C-alpha atoms as a PDB file:
ATOM      1  CA  MET A   1      51.080 -71.676  17.863  1.00  0.00           C
ATOM      2  CA  GLY A   2      48.254 -71.996  15.362  1.00  0.00           C
ATOM      3  CA  LYS A   3      44.710 -73.148  15.989  1.00  0.00           C
ATOM      4  CA  ILE A   4      43.596 -76.323  17.750  1.00  0.00           C
ATOM      5  CA  ALA A   5      41.168 -78.705  16.069  1.00  0.00           C
ATOM      6  CA  PHE A   6      39.232 -81.394  17.930  1.00  0.00           C
ATOM      7  CA  VAL A   7      38.353 -84.402  15.778  1.00  0.00           C
ATOM      8  CA  PHE A   8      35.921 -87.027  17.037  1.00  0.00           C
ATOM      9  CA  ALA A   9      36.514 -90.691  16.215  1.00  0.00           C
ATOM     10  CA  GLY A  10      34.230 -92.868  14.108  1.00  0.00           C
ATOM     11  CA  GLN A  11      32.894 -96.397  14.270  1.00  0.00           C
ATOM     12  CA  GLY A  12      35.524 -99.116  14.150  1.00  0.00           C
ATOM     13  CA  ALA A  13      37.762 -97.410  16.729  1.00  0.00           C
ATOM     14  CA  GLN A  14      35.981 -99.023  19.691  1.00  0.00           C
ATOM     15  CA  TYR A  15      37.649-101.478  22.050  1.00  0.00           C
ATOM     16  CA  PRO A  16      36.752-103.083  25.409  1.00  0.00           C
ATOM     17  CA  GLY A  17      37.674-100.865  28.344  1.00  0.00           C
ATOM     18  CA  MET A  18      37.572 -97.610  26.392  1.00  0.00           C
ATOM     19  CA  GLY A  19      37.087 -94.489  28.468  1.00  0.00           C
ATOM     20  CA  GLN A  20      37.679 -96.134  31.830  1.00  0.00           C
ATOM     21  CA  GLU A  21      41.022 -94.432  32.489  1.00  0.00           C
ATOM     22  CA  LEU A  22      39.529 -91.032  31.666  1.00  0.00           C
ATOM     23  CA  ALA A  23      36.669 -91.629  34.096  1.00  0.00           C
ATOM     24  CA  GLN A  24      39.176 -92.582  36.781  1.00  0.00           C
ATOM     25  CA  CYS A  25      41.486 -89.595  36.331  1.00  0.00           C
ATOM     26  CA  SER A  26      39.022 -86.815  35.469  1.00  0.00           C
ATOM     27  CA  ARG A  27      35.992 -85.798  37.513  1.00  0.00           C
ATOM     28  CA  ALA A  28      34.512 -84.011  34.491  1.00  0.00           C
ATOM     29  CA  ALA A  29      34.845 -87.154  32.350  1.00  0.00           C
ATOM     30  CA  ALA A  30      33.263 -89.268  35.088  1.00  0.00           C
ATOM     31  CA  GLU A  31      30.320 -86.864  35.185  1.00  0.00           C
ATOM     32  CA  ILE A  32      29.719 -87.361  31.458  1.00  0.00           C
ATOM     33  CA  PHE A  33      29.475 -91.123  31.970  1.00  0.00           C
ATOM     34  CA  GLN A  34      27.059 -90.562  34.864  1.00  0.00           C
ATOM     35  CA  LYS A  35      24.872 -88.365  32.682  1.00  0.00           C
ATOM     36  CA  VAL A  36      24.713 -90.817  29.773  1.00  0.00           C
ATOM     37  CA  ASP A  37      24.016 -93.682  32.188  1.00  0.00           C
ATOM     38  CA  ALA A  38      20.981 -91.750  33.412  1.00  0.00           C
ATOM     39  CA  LEU A  39      19.780 -91.504  29.796  1.00  0.00           C
ATOM     40  CA  ARG A  40      20.733 -95.055  28.746  1.00  0.00           C
ATOM     41  CA  PRO A  41      21.497 -97.265  31.736  1.00  0.00           C
ATOM     42  CA  GLY A  42      24.544 -99.464  31.302  1.00  0.00           C
ATOM     43  CA  THR A  43      26.386 -97.322  28.766  1.00  0.00           C
ATOM     44  CA  SER A  44      29.500 -96.863  30.885  1.00  0.00           C
ATOM     45  CA  GLU A  45      29.458-100.560  31.777  1.00  0.00           C
ATOM     46  CA  GLN A  46      29.456-101.426  28.059  1.00  0.00           C
ATOM     47  CA  CYS A  47      32.394 -99.071  27.478  1.00  0.00           C
ATOM     48  CA  PHE A  48      34.429-100.346  30.418  1.00  0.00           C
ATOM     49  CA  SER A  49      33.502-104.056  30.489  1.00  0.00           C
ATOM     50  CA  GLY A  50      31.664-104.895  27.268  1.00  0.00           C
ATOM     51  CA  THR A  51      33.069-107.539  24.956  1.00  0.00           C
ATOM     52  CA  ALA A  52      34.430-106.772  21.512  1.00  0.00           C
ATOM     53  CA  GLU A  53      31.409-108.522  19.992  1.00  0.00           C
ATOM     54  CA  GLU A  54      28.972-106.469  22.075  1.00  0.00           C
ATOM     55  CA  LEU A  55      30.709-103.252  21.096  1.00  0.00           C
ATOM     56  CA  LYS A  56      30.556-104.181  17.392  1.00  0.00           C
ATOM     57  CA  GLU A  57      26.751-103.956  17.471  1.00  0.00           C
ATOM     58  CA  THR A  58      26.000-100.591  15.908  1.00  0.00           C
ATOM     59  CA  LYS A  59      23.228 -99.820  18.397  1.00  0.00           C
ATOM     60  CA  ASN A  60      25.872-100.150  21.147  1.00  0.00           C
ATOM     61  CA  THR A  61      28.913 -98.805  19.306  1.00  0.00           C
ATOM     62  CA  GLN A  62      27.503 -95.386  18.579  1.00  0.00           C
ATOM     63  CA  PRO A  63      26.273 -94.333  22.054  1.00  0.00           C
ATOM     64  CA  CYS A  64      29.394 -95.806  23.667  1.00  0.00           C
ATOM     65  CA  LEU A  65      31.777 -93.959  21.355  1.00  0.00           C
ATOM     66  CA  PHE A  66      29.813 -90.733  21.852  1.00  0.00           C
ATOM     67  CA  ALA A  67      30.151 -91.113  25.621  1.00  0.00           C
ATOM     68  CA  VAL A  68      33.912 -91.655  25.444  1.00  0.00           C
ATOM     69  CA  GLU A  69      34.385 -88.733  23.061  1.00  0.00           C
ATOM     70  CA  LEU A  70      32.397 -86.251  25.149  1.00  0.00           C
ATOM     71  CA  ALA A  71      34.157 -87.493  28.283  1.00  0.00           C
ATOM     72  CA  ALA A  72      37.486 -86.755  26.590  1.00  0.00           C
ATOM     73  CA  ALA A  73      36.285 -83.270  25.652  1.00  0.00           C
ATOM     74  CA  ALA A  74      35.167 -82.671  29.237  1.00  0.00           C
ATOM     75  CA  ALA A  75      38.551 -83.783  30.576  1.00  0.00           C
ATOM     76  CA  LEU A  76      40.282 -81.308  28.256  1.00  0.00           C
ATOM     77  CA  ALA A  77      37.952 -78.483  29.286  1.00  0.00           C
ATOM     78  CA  GLU A  78      38.669 -79.330  32.925  1.00  0.00           C
ATOM     79  CA  GLY A  79      42.348 -78.864  32.087  1.00  0.00           C
ATOM     80  CA  GLY A  80      41.668 -75.501  30.433  1.00  0.00           C
ATOM     81  CA  LEU A  81      41.883 -76.639  26.800  1.00  0.00           C
ATOM     82  CA  LYS A  82      39.232 -75.830  24.197  1.00  0.00           C
ATOM     83  CA  ALA A  83      39.045 -76.192  20.407  1.00  0.00           C
ATOM     84  CA  ASP A  84      39.059 -73.468  17.787  1.00  0.00           C
ATOM     85  CA  MET A  85      37.231 -75.741  15.329  1.00  0.00           C
ATOM     86  CA  ALA A  86      35.808 -79.264  15.274  1.00  0.00           C
ATOM     87  CA  ALA A  87      34.903 -82.168  13.028  1.00  0.00           C
ATOM     88  CA  GLY A  88      33.872 -85.768  13.505  1.00  0.00           C
ATOM     89  CA  PHE A  89      34.296 -88.846  11.354  1.00  0.00           C
ATOM     90  CA  SER A  90      30.875 -90.368  10.602  1.00  0.00           C
ATOM     91  CA  LEU A  91      29.163 -90.873  13.979  1.00  0.00           C
ATOM     92  CA  GLY A  92      31.848 -88.614  15.469  1.00  0.00           C
ATOM     93  CA  GLU A  93      30.088 -85.737  13.745  1.00  0.00           C
ATOM     94  CA  ILE A  94      27.314 -85.998  16.351  1.00  0.00           C
ATOM     95  CA  GLY A  95      29.902 -85.728  19.105  1.00  0.00           C
ATOM     96  CA  ALA A  96      31.424 -82.712  17.363  1.00  0.00           C
ATOM     97  CA  LEU A  97      27.964 -81.179  16.931  1.00  0.00           C
ATOM     98  CA  THR A  98      27.358 -81.544  20.656  1.00  0.00           C
ATOM     99  CA  TYR A  99      30.774 -80.203  21.597  1.00  0.00           C
ATOM    100  CA  THR A 100      30.225 -77.061  19.520  1.00  0.00           C
ATOM    101  CA  GLY A 101      27.008 -76.299  21.394  1.00  0.00           C
ATOM    102  CA  ALA A 102      24.573 -76.824  18.530  1.00  0.00           C
ATOM    103  CA  VAL A 103      22.731 -79.342  20.746  1.00  0.00           C
ATOM    104  CA  ASP A 104      22.952 -80.140  24.451  1.00  0.00           C
ATOM    105  CA  LEU A 105      24.350 -83.429  25.767  1.00  0.00           C
ATOM    106  CA  ALA A 106      20.963 -85.083  26.207  1.00  0.00           C
ATOM    107  CA  THR A 107      19.887 -84.207  22.657  1.00  0.00           C
ATOM    108  CA  GLY A 108      23.189 -85.287  21.155  1.00  0.00           C
ATOM    109  CA  PHE A 109      23.022 -88.592  23.012  1.00  0.00           C
ATOM    110  CA  HIS A 110      19.425 -89.131  21.880  1.00  0.00           C
ATOM    111  CA  LEU A 111      20.477 -88.472  18.293  1.00  0.00           C
ATOM    112  CA  VAL A 112      23.395 -90.892  18.402  1.00  0.00           C
ATOM    113  CA  CYS A 113      21.268 -93.628  20.013  1.00  0.00           C
ATOM    114  CA  ARG A 114      18.552 -93.324  17.379  1.00  0.00           C
ATOM    115  CA  ARG A 115      21.151 -93.068  14.611  1.00  0.00           C
ATOM    116  CA  GLY A 116      22.750 -96.310  15.768  1.00  0.00           C
ATOM    117  CA  GLU A 117      19.419 -98.110  15.924  1.00  0.00           C
ATOM    118  CA  LEU A 118      18.392 -96.931  12.460  1.00  0.00           C
ATOM    119  CA  MET A 119      21.726 -97.814  10.889  1.00  0.00           C
ATOM    120  CA  GLN A 120      21.730-101.262  12.473  1.00  0.00           C
ATOM    121  CA  ALA A 121      18.194-101.880  11.168  1.00  0.00           C
ATOM    122  CA  ALA A 122      19.283-100.798   7.684  1.00  0.00           C
ATOM    123  CA  ALA A 123      22.356-103.033   7.886  1.00  0.00           C
ATOM    124  CA  GLU A 124      20.168-106.016   8.767  1.00  0.00           C
ATOM    125  CA  GLU A 125      18.087-105.564   5.606  1.00  0.00           C
ATOM    126  CA  GLN A 126      20.925-107.013   3.505  1.00  0.00           C
ATOM    127  CA  PRO A 127      24.325-108.557   4.338  1.00  0.00           C
ATOM    128  CA  THR A 128      26.886-105.846   3.674  1.00  0.00           C
ATOM    129  CA  ALA A 129      30.518-105.116   4.494  1.00  0.00           C
ATOM    130  CA  MET A 130      33.159-102.403   4.311  1.00  0.00           C
ATOM    131  CA  ALA A 131      36.840-102.458   3.409  1.00  0.00           C
ATOM    132  CA  ALA A 132      39.639 -99.914   3.270  1.00  0.00           C
ATOM    133  CA  VAL A 133      41.412 -99.876  -0.090  1.00  0.00           C
ATOM    134  CA  LEU A 134      45.092 -98.980   0.175  1.00  0.00           C
ATOM    135  CA  LYS A 135      47.751 -97.911  -2.339  1.00  0.00           C
ATOM    136  CA  LEU A 136      45.352 -96.834  -5.098  1.00  0.00           C
ATOM    137  CA  SER A 137      44.228 -93.357  -6.145  1.00  0.00           C
ATOM    138  CA  ASN A 138      40.687 -92.137  -5.529  1.00  0.00           C
ATOM    139  CA  GLU A 139      40.030 -92.350  -9.257  1.00  0.00           C
ATOM    140  CA  ALA A 140      41.320 -95.921  -9.474  1.00  0.00           C
ATOM    141  CA  VAL A 141      39.062 -97.030  -6.620  1.00  0.00           C
ATOM    142  CA  GLU A 142      36.075 -95.288  -8.179  1.00  0.00           C
ATOM    143  CA  GLY A 143      36.816 -97.069 -11.463  1.00  0.00           C
ATOM    144  CA  LEU A 144      36.952-100.470  -9.762  1.00  0.00           C
ATOM    145  CA  CYS A 145      33.712 -99.815  -7.878  1.00  0.00           C
ATOM    146  CA  ALA A 146      31.999 -98.952 -11.152  1.00  0.00           C
ATOM    147  CA  GLN A 147      32.715-102.487 -12.376  1.00  0.00           C
ATOM    148  CA  PHE A 148      30.440-103.927  -9.648  1.00  0.00           C
ATOM    149  CA  ASP A 149      26.713-103.511  -9.123  1.00  0.00           C
ATOM    150  CA  GLN A 150      26.839-102.949  -5.363  1.00  0.00           C
ATOM    151  CA  VAL A 151      30.243-101.581  -4.419  1.00  0.00           C
ATOM    152  CA  TYR A 152      30.507 -97.887  -3.528  1.00  0.00           C
ATOM    153  CA  PRO A 153      33.406 -95.576  -2.555  1.00  0.00           C
ATOM    154  CA  VAL A 154      32.276 -94.076   0.741  1.00  0.00           C
ATOM    155  CA  ASN A 155      35.111 -92.711   2.904  1.00  0.00           C
ATOM    156  CA  TYR A 156      37.798 -90.566   1.290  1.00  0.00           C
ATOM    157  CA  ASN A 157      40.242 -90.918   4.178  1.00  0.00           C
ATOM    158  CA  CYS A 158      43.641 -89.704   2.953  1.00  0.00           C
ATOM    159  CA  PRO A 159      45.875 -90.016  -0.120  1.00  0.00           C
ATOM    160  CA  GLY A 160      46.007 -93.684  -1.076  1.00  0.00           C
ATOM    161  CA  GLN A 161      43.153 -94.798   1.164  1.00  0.00           C
ATOM    162  CA  VAL A 162      39.459 -94.979   0.298  1.00  0.00           C
ATOM    163  CA  SER A 163      36.933 -97.123   2.141  1.00  0.00           C
ATOM    164  CA  VAL A 164      34.189 -98.882   0.205  1.00  0.00           C
ATOM    165  CA  ALA A 165      30.826-100.356   1.159  1.00  0.00           C
ATOM    166  CA  CYS A 166      29.537-103.404  -0.643  1.00  0.00           C
ATOM    167  CA  ALA A 167      27.145-106.320  -0.655  1.00  0.00           C
ATOM    168  CA  GLN A 168      28.769-109.104   1.372  1.00  0.00           C
ATOM    169  CA  GLU A 169      29.036-111.477  -1.572  1.00  0.00           C
ATOM    170  CA  GLN A 170      30.931-108.879  -3.590  1.00  0.00           C
ATOM    171  CA  LEU A 171      33.678-108.285  -1.030  1.00  0.00           C
ATOM    172  CA  ALA A 172      35.849-111.230  -2.163  1.00  0.00           C
ATOM    173  CA  PRO A 173      35.701-110.541  -5.925  1.00  0.00           C
ATOM    174  CA  PHE A 174      36.179-106.803  -5.348  1.00  0.00           C
ATOM    175  CA  SER A 175      39.198-107.483  -3.109  1.00  0.00           C
ATOM    176  CA  ALA A 176      40.642-109.678  -5.850  1.00  0.00           C
ATOM    177  CA  ALA A 177      40.161-106.873  -8.363  1.00  0.00           C
ATOM    178  CA  VAL A 178      41.911-104.454  -6.003  1.00  0.00           C
ATOM    179  CA  LYS A 179      44.860-106.839  -5.640  1.00  0.00           C
ATOM    180  CA  ALA A 180      45.087-107.244  -9.422  1.00  0.00           C
ATOM    181  CA  ALA A 181      45.245-103.460  -9.733  1.00  0.00           C
ATOM    182  CA  GLY A 182      48.164-103.275  -7.295  1.00  0.00           C
ATOM    183  CA  GLY A 183      46.209-102.328  -4.188  1.00  0.00           C
ATOM    184  CA  ARG A 184      45.112-103.991  -0.999  1.00  0.00           C
ATOM    185  CA  ALA A 185      41.631-104.275   0.553  1.00  0.00           C
ATOM    186  CA  LEU A 186      41.357-104.595   4.352  1.00  0.00           C
ATOM    187  CA  PRO A 187      37.950-105.504   5.874  1.00  0.00           C
ATOM    188  CA  LEU A 188      36.744-103.033   8.527  1.00  0.00           C
ATOM    189  CA  LYS A 189      35.382-103.790  12.013  1.00  0.00           C
ATOM    190  CA  VAL A 190      31.836-102.637  11.263  1.00  0.00           C
ATOM    191  CA  ARG A 191      28.570-104.416  10.595  1.00  0.00           C
ATOM    192  CA  GLY A 192      26.991-102.551   7.745  1.00  0.00           C
ATOM    193  CA  GLY A 193      27.609-100.796   4.446  1.00  0.00           C
ATOM    194  CA  PHE A 194      27.634 -97.301   5.895  1.00  0.00           C
ATOM    195  CA  HIS A 195      27.623 -94.018   3.948  1.00  0.00           C
ATOM    196  CA  SER A 196      26.220 -95.751   0.884  1.00  0.00           C
ATOM    197  CA  PRO A 197      22.817 -96.384  -0.759  1.00  0.00           C
ATOM    198  CA  PHE A 198      22.474 -99.350   1.635  1.00  0.00           C
ATOM    199  CA  MET A 199      21.716 -96.747   4.338  1.00  0.00           C
ATOM    200  CA  ALA A 200      18.908 -94.928   2.491  1.00  0.00           C
ATOM    201  CA  SER A 201      16.200 -96.094   4.915  1.00  0.00           C
ATOM    202  CA  ALA A 202      18.307 -95.013   7.905  1.00  0.00           C
ATOM    203  CA  ALA A 203      18.854 -91.568   6.370  1.00  0.00           C
ATOM    204  CA  ARG A 204      15.104 -91.127   5.904  1.00  0.00           C
ATOM    205  CA  GLY A 205      14.386 -92.257   9.434  1.00  0.00           C
ATOM    206  CA  PHE A 206      17.066 -90.011  10.907  1.00  0.00           C
ATOM    207  CA  ALA A 207      15.659 -87.005   9.042  1.00  0.00           C
ATOM    208  CA  GLY A 208      12.442 -87.572  10.998  1.00  0.00           C
ATOM    209  CA  VAL A 209      14.342 -87.776  14.279  1.00  0.00           C
ATOM    210  CA  LEU A 210      16.227 -84.579  13.518  1.00  0.00           C
ATOM    211  CA  ALA A 211      13.028 -82.751  12.620  1.00  0.00           C
ATOM    212  CA  GLU A 212      11.817 -83.180  16.189  1.00  0.00           C
ATOM    213  CA  CYS A 213      15.017 -81.828  17.787  1.00  0.00           C
ATOM    214  CA  GLN A 214      15.916 -78.322  18.827  1.00  0.00           C
ATOM    215  CA  MET A 215      19.191 -77.333  17.227  1.00  0.00           C
ATOM    216  CA  GLY A 216      21.156 -74.099  17.221  1.00  0.00           C
ATOM    217  CA  ARG A 217      24.198 -72.959  15.335  1.00  0.00           C
ATOM    218  CA  PRO A 218      27.634 -74.248  16.297  1.00  0.00           C
ATOM    219  CA  GLU A 219      29.591 -71.819  18.479  1.00  0.00           C
ATOM    220  CA  ILE A 220      32.859 -72.606  16.658  1.00  0.00           C
ATOM    221  CA  PRO A 221      33.419 -73.755  13.052  1.00  0.00           C
ATOM    222  CA  LEU A 222      32.068 -77.293  12.549  1.00  0.00           C
ATOM    223  CA  TYR A 223      33.022 -79.162   9.380  1.00  0.00           C
ATOM    224  CA  SER A 224      30.553 -81.333   7.450  1.00  0.00           C
ATOM    225  CA  ASN A 225      31.272 -84.891   6.351  1.00  0.00           C
ATOM    226  CA  CYS A 226      29.110 -84.370   3.265  1.00  0.00           C
ATOM    227  CA  THR A 227      30.723 -81.213   1.925  1.00  0.00           C
ATOM    228  CA  GLY A 228      34.099 -81.039   3.654  1.00  0.00           C
ATOM    229  CA  GLY A 229      33.344 -77.396   4.458  1.00  0.00           C
ATOM    230  CA  VAL A 230      32.030 -75.469   7.454  1.00  0.00           C
ATOM    231  CA  TYR A 231      28.369 -75.861   8.278  1.00  0.00           C
ATOM    232  CA  ALA A 232      26.244 -72.876   7.343  1.00  0.00           C
ATOM    233  CA  GLY A 233      22.628 -72.531   8.415  1.00  0.00           C
ATOM    234  CA  ASP A 234      20.566 -75.448   9.765  1.00  0.00           C
ATOM    235  CA  PRO A 235      22.731 -78.602  10.026  1.00  0.00           C
ATOM    236  CA  LYS A 236      19.787 -81.024   9.965  1.00  0.00           C
ATOM    237  CA  GLU A 237      19.621 -81.687   6.223  1.00  0.00           C
ATOM    238  CA  LEU A 238      23.321 -82.485   5.936  1.00  0.00           C
ATOM    239  CA  LEU A 239      23.280 -84.613   9.097  1.00  0.00           C
ATOM    240  CA  ALA A 240      20.481 -86.769   7.687  1.00  0.00           C
ATOM    241  CA  ARG A 241      22.125 -87.055   4.277  1.00  0.00           C
ATOM    242  CA  GLN A 242      25.482 -87.901   5.851  1.00  0.00           C
ATOM    243  CA  ILE A 243      24.383 -91.439   6.769  1.00  0.00           C
ATOM    244  CA  ALA A 244      24.044 -92.457   3.112  1.00  0.00           C
ATOM    245  CA  SER A 245      26.715 -90.145   1.625  1.00  0.00           C
ATOM    246  CA  PRO A 246      30.526 -90.389   1.389  1.00  0.00           C
ATOM    247  CA  VAL A 247      32.689 -88.931   4.159  1.00  0.00           C
ATOM    248  CA  ARG A 248      35.033 -86.267   2.725  1.00  0.00           C
ATOM    249  CA  TRP A 249      37.631 -86.583   5.472  1.00  0.00           C
ATOM    250  CA  GLU A 250      40.660 -85.637   3.396  1.00  0.00           C
ATOM    251  CA  THR A 251      38.900 -82.460   2.272  1.00  0.00           C
ATOM    252  CA  ILE A 252      37.843 -81.641   5.844  1.00  0.00           C
ATOM    253  CA  VAL A 253      41.402 -81.874   7.139  1.00  0.00           C
ATOM    254  CA  GLU A 254      42.801 -79.835   4.251  1.00  0.00           C
ATOM    255  CA  ASN A 255      40.193 -77.125   4.903  1.00  0.00           C
ATOM    256  CA  MET A 256      40.905 -77.071   8.643  1.00  0.00           C
ATOM    257  CA  ILE A 257      44.618 -76.670   7.971  1.00  0.00           C
ATOM    258  CA  ALA A 258      43.879 -73.879   5.495  1.00  0.00           C
ATOM    259  CA  ALA A 259      41.850 -72.206   8.269  1.00  0.00           C
ATOM    260  CA  GLY A 260      44.887 -72.220  10.544  1.00  0.00           C
ATOM    261  CA  ALA A 261      44.772 -75.555  12.390  1.00  0.00           C
ATOM    262  CA  ASP A 262      48.216 -76.937  13.120  1.00  0.00           C
ATOM    263  CA  THR A 263      47.370 -79.139  16.127  1.00  0.00           C
ATOM    264  CA  PHE A 264      44.772 -81.916  15.967  1.00  0.00           C
ATOM    265  CA  LEU A 265      43.475 -83.746  19.024  1.00  0.00           C
ATOM    266  CA  GLU A 266      41.650 -87.020  18.331  1.00  0.00           C
ATOM    267  CA  LEU A 267      38.944 -87.545  20.942  1.00  0.00           C
ATOM    268  CA  GLY A 268      37.848 -91.134  21.448  1.00  0.00           C
ATOM    269  CA  PRO A 269      39.467 -94.560  21.391  1.00  0.00           C
ATOM    270  CA  GLY A 270      42.441 -95.363  19.214  1.00  0.00           C
ATOM    271  CA  GLN A 271      44.379 -93.065  16.923  1.00  0.00           C
ATOM    272  CA  THR A 272      43.002 -93.818  13.467  1.00  0.00           C
ATOM    273  CA  LEU A 273      42.299 -90.175  12.684  1.00  0.00           C
ATOM    274  CA  CYS A 274      45.769 -89.116  13.838  1.00  0.00           C
ATOM    275  CA  GLY A 275      47.208 -91.574  11.342  1.00  0.00           C
ATOM    276  CA  LEU A 276      45.050 -90.276   8.507  1.00  0.00           C
ATOM    277  CA  ILE A 277      45.805 -86.635   9.309  1.00  0.00           C
ATOM    278  CA  GLY A 278      49.538 -87.365   9.341  1.00  0.00           C
ATOM    279  CA  LYS A 279      49.254 -88.814   5.842  1.00  0.00           C
ATOM    280  CA  ILE A 280      47.330 -85.767   4.622  1.00  0.00           C
ATOM    281  CA  ASP A 281      49.857 -83.254   5.974  1.00  0.00           C
ATOM    282  CA  LYS A 282      52.990 -84.287   7.877  1.00  0.00           C
ATOM    283  CA  ARG A 283      53.622 -80.746   9.106  1.00  0.00           C
ATOM    284  CA  VAL A 284      50.783 -80.689  11.643  1.00  0.00           C
ATOM    285  CA  LYS A 285      50.898 -82.122  15.156  1.00  0.00           C
ATOM    286  CA  THR A 286      48.487 -84.870  16.173  1.00  0.00           C
ATOM    287  CA  TYR A 287      47.595 -86.227  19.608  1.00  0.00           C
ATOM    288  CA  PRO A 288      45.275 -89.127  20.440  1.00  0.00           C
ATOM    289  CA  LEU A 289      43.205 -88.917  23.629  1.00  0.00           C
ATOM    290  CA  SER A 290      41.774 -92.040  25.213  1.00  0.00           C
ATOM    291  CA  THR A 291      44.018 -92.724  28.231  1.00  0.00           C
ATOM    292  CA  ARG A 292      45.386 -90.982  31.323  1.00  0.00           C
ATOM    293  CA  GLU A 293      48.828 -90.843  29.701  1.00  0.00           C
ATOM    294  CA  ASP A 294      47.351 -89.216  26.573  1.00  0.00           C
ATOM    295  CA  LEU A 295      45.560 -86.599  28.676  1.00  0.00           C
ATOM    296  CA  GLU A 296      48.643 -85.749  30.711  1.00  0.00           C
ATOM    297  CA  LYS A 297      50.759 -85.380  27.568  1.00  0.00           C
ATOM    298  CA  ILE A 298      48.238 -83.078  25.883  1.00  0.00           C
ATOM    299  CA  LEU A 299      47.823 -80.890  28.946  1.00  0.00           C
ATOM    300  CA  ARG A 300      51.600 -80.658  29.265  1.00  0.00           C
ATOM    301  CA  GLU A 301      52.479 -80.064  25.595  1.00  0.00           C
ATOM    302  CA  VAL A 302      49.415 -78.317  24.182  1.00  0.00           C
ATOM    303  CA  ALA A 303      47.598 -76.591  27.036  1.00  0.00           C
ATOM    304  CA  GLY A 304      50.959 -75.541  28.456  1.00  0.00           C
ATOM    305  CA  CYS A 305      51.940 -73.606  25.340  1.00  0.00           C
END
């Protein structure tokens, strides 16, 4: 068996009830929810009982997803399973940072709460949206974006899928241009034009937050959204820049596979990252982890190897 990679889910994967099964079946996961509730009362209640609309609010989405992701990691550790390397998609990078020991749980949770607040404030400055563009090459999407004043390629997800951020009024004409080019544009469940120039104020604000935090080096290889490579040195500059820069997910996964990863565990709700990884390289194994059934399968098939 090769190496195991933990990948932490990003915004848009959230759903009402997320994490509840993990808290019920794993004492370690339940303890994570207790700890985040002490730092931000009501977090577990939002995860378990919050409405879809409530969970769409960025200031809620980010701390809730972080809690579910770290609870999943704790449940795996309780079962004797640890990662050889880690990465996170967008906000998931803070969960990955915490998992790798670069910051403690309280610091990671503080960072994700402030990040969510700053990004929501930036999103409220101007109506923006995001869409996933399917069936077109990276270069084709970049060419279409260049035809519009405020449309930016932001998430390089996998072959044939690039997400864009745009001014709200440009979503319809851009989608029409995508259709004319033979592609398809699907709106995303987020409220903001993330990883684009629309987030410049949030990136500046987050740099100030990071400057006040104690941060060490990751204990295992941690891959950067900005570069697609392993973090080297102080992660703070790249973490601040990440908010307003494209996510190089396809490059991250390719580099993790080149480093020996053949099994990817997606920590957090849904299985979006598993789907993307499968499209990048069909030879690797992928496992989602958000339910009791998921946990039991992983501990049986992966930890048991």
